[in-house]
């Protein structure tokens, strides 16, 4: 092996190792973001269900008042 190639191979190995580490960090961050977004979506759906239920109750109360006023 030519003596000038050894440092180049070492530098290449370091670069590949560093990039592999970055890839793992990016993958870990992406997984964390995905989990956070899934939790937020679940919370938003629960909040939406509460709001819809509140609207239904208000509508039912309004219908009941209208029916009572018609009597």
Protein backbone atom coordinates (compact mmCIF):
# COMPACT_ATOMS: atom_id res chain seq x y z
CA UNK A 1 0.00 0.00 0.00
CA UNK A 2 1.28 3.43 -0.85
CA UNK A 3 2.21 5.46 2.29
CA UNK A 4 0.00 8.40 1.26
CA UNK A 5 -3.11 6.23 1.10
CA UNK A 6 -3.07 5.25 4.79
CA UNK A 7 -4.01 8.75 6.12
CA UNK A 8 -6.64 9.06 3.40
CA UNK A 9 -8.21 5.74 4.38
CA UNK A 10 -8.13 6.73 8.05
CA UNK A 11 -9.82 10.06 7.28
CA UNK A 12 -12.42 8.29 5.16
CA UNK A 13 -13.15 5.84 7.97
CA UNK A 14 -13.57 8.72 10.43
CA UNK A 15 -15.89 10.55 8.06
CA UNK A 16 -18.03 7.47 7.47
CA UNK A 17 -18.20 6.85 11.23
CA UNK A 18 -19.24 10.44 11.88
CA UNK A 19 -21.91 10.33 9.20
CA UNK A 20 -23.25 7.04 10.54
CA UNK A 21 -23.52 8.63 13.97
CA UNK A 22 -25.40 11.59 12.51
CA UNK A 23 -27.76 9.20 10.77
CA UNK A 24 -28.56 7.51 14.06
CA UNK A 25 -29.20 10.90 15.70
CA UNK A 26 -31.47 11.96 12.86
CA UNK A 27 -33.39 8.69 13.00
CA UNK A 28 -33.79 9.00 16.76
CA UNK A 29 -34.99 12.58 16.45
CA UNK A 30 -37.44 11.62 13.70
CA UNK A 31 -38.85 8.84 15.86
CA UNK A 32 -39.25 11.23 18.79
CA UNK A 33 -40.98 13.82 16.62
CA UNK A 34 -43.30 11.18 15.18
CA UNK A 35 -44.24 9.97 18.66
CA UNK A 36 -44.88 13.54 19.83
CA UNK A 37 -47.04 14.29 16.79
CA UNK A 38 -49.03 11.08 17.33
CA UNK A 39 -49.68 12.07 20.95
CA UNK A 40 -50.75 15.56 19.88
CA UNK A 41 -53.08 14.13 17.24
CA UNK A 42 -54.66 11.87 19.82
CA UNK A 43 -55.16 14.79 22.21
CA UNK A 44 -56.65 16.89 19.41
CA UNK A 45 -59.11 14.12 18.55
CA UNK A 46 -60.16 13.83 22.19
CA UNK A 47 -60.63 17.59 22.40
CA UNK A 48 -62.66 17.58 19.19
CA UNK A 49 -64.91 14.83 20.57
CA UNK A 50 -65.53 16.90 23.73
CA UNK A 51 -66.39 19.98 21.69
CA UNK A 52 -68.75 18.06 19.41
CA UNK A 53 -70.45 16.52 22.45
CA UNK A 54 -70.85 20.00 23.96
CA UNK A 55 -72.44 21.26 20.73
CA UNK A 56 -74.83 18.29 20.71
CA UNK A 57 -75.85 18.94 24.30
CA UNK A 58 -76.39 22.63 23.56
CA UNK A 59 -78.47 21.75 20.50
CA UNK A 60 -80.57 19.26 22.47
CA UNK A 61 -81.14 21.86 25.19
CA UNK A 62 -82.21 24.40 22.57
CA UNK A 63 -84.65 21.94 21.00
CA UNK A 64 -86.04 21.13 24.44
CA UNK A 65 -86.53 24.84 25.23
CA UNK A 66 -88.23 25.40 21.87
CA UNK A 67 -90.53 22.47 22.46
CA UNK A 68 -91.32 23.72 25.97
CA UNK A 69 -92.05 27.24 24.68
CA UNK A 70 -94.37 25.81 22.00
CA UNK A 71 -96.51 24.13 24.66
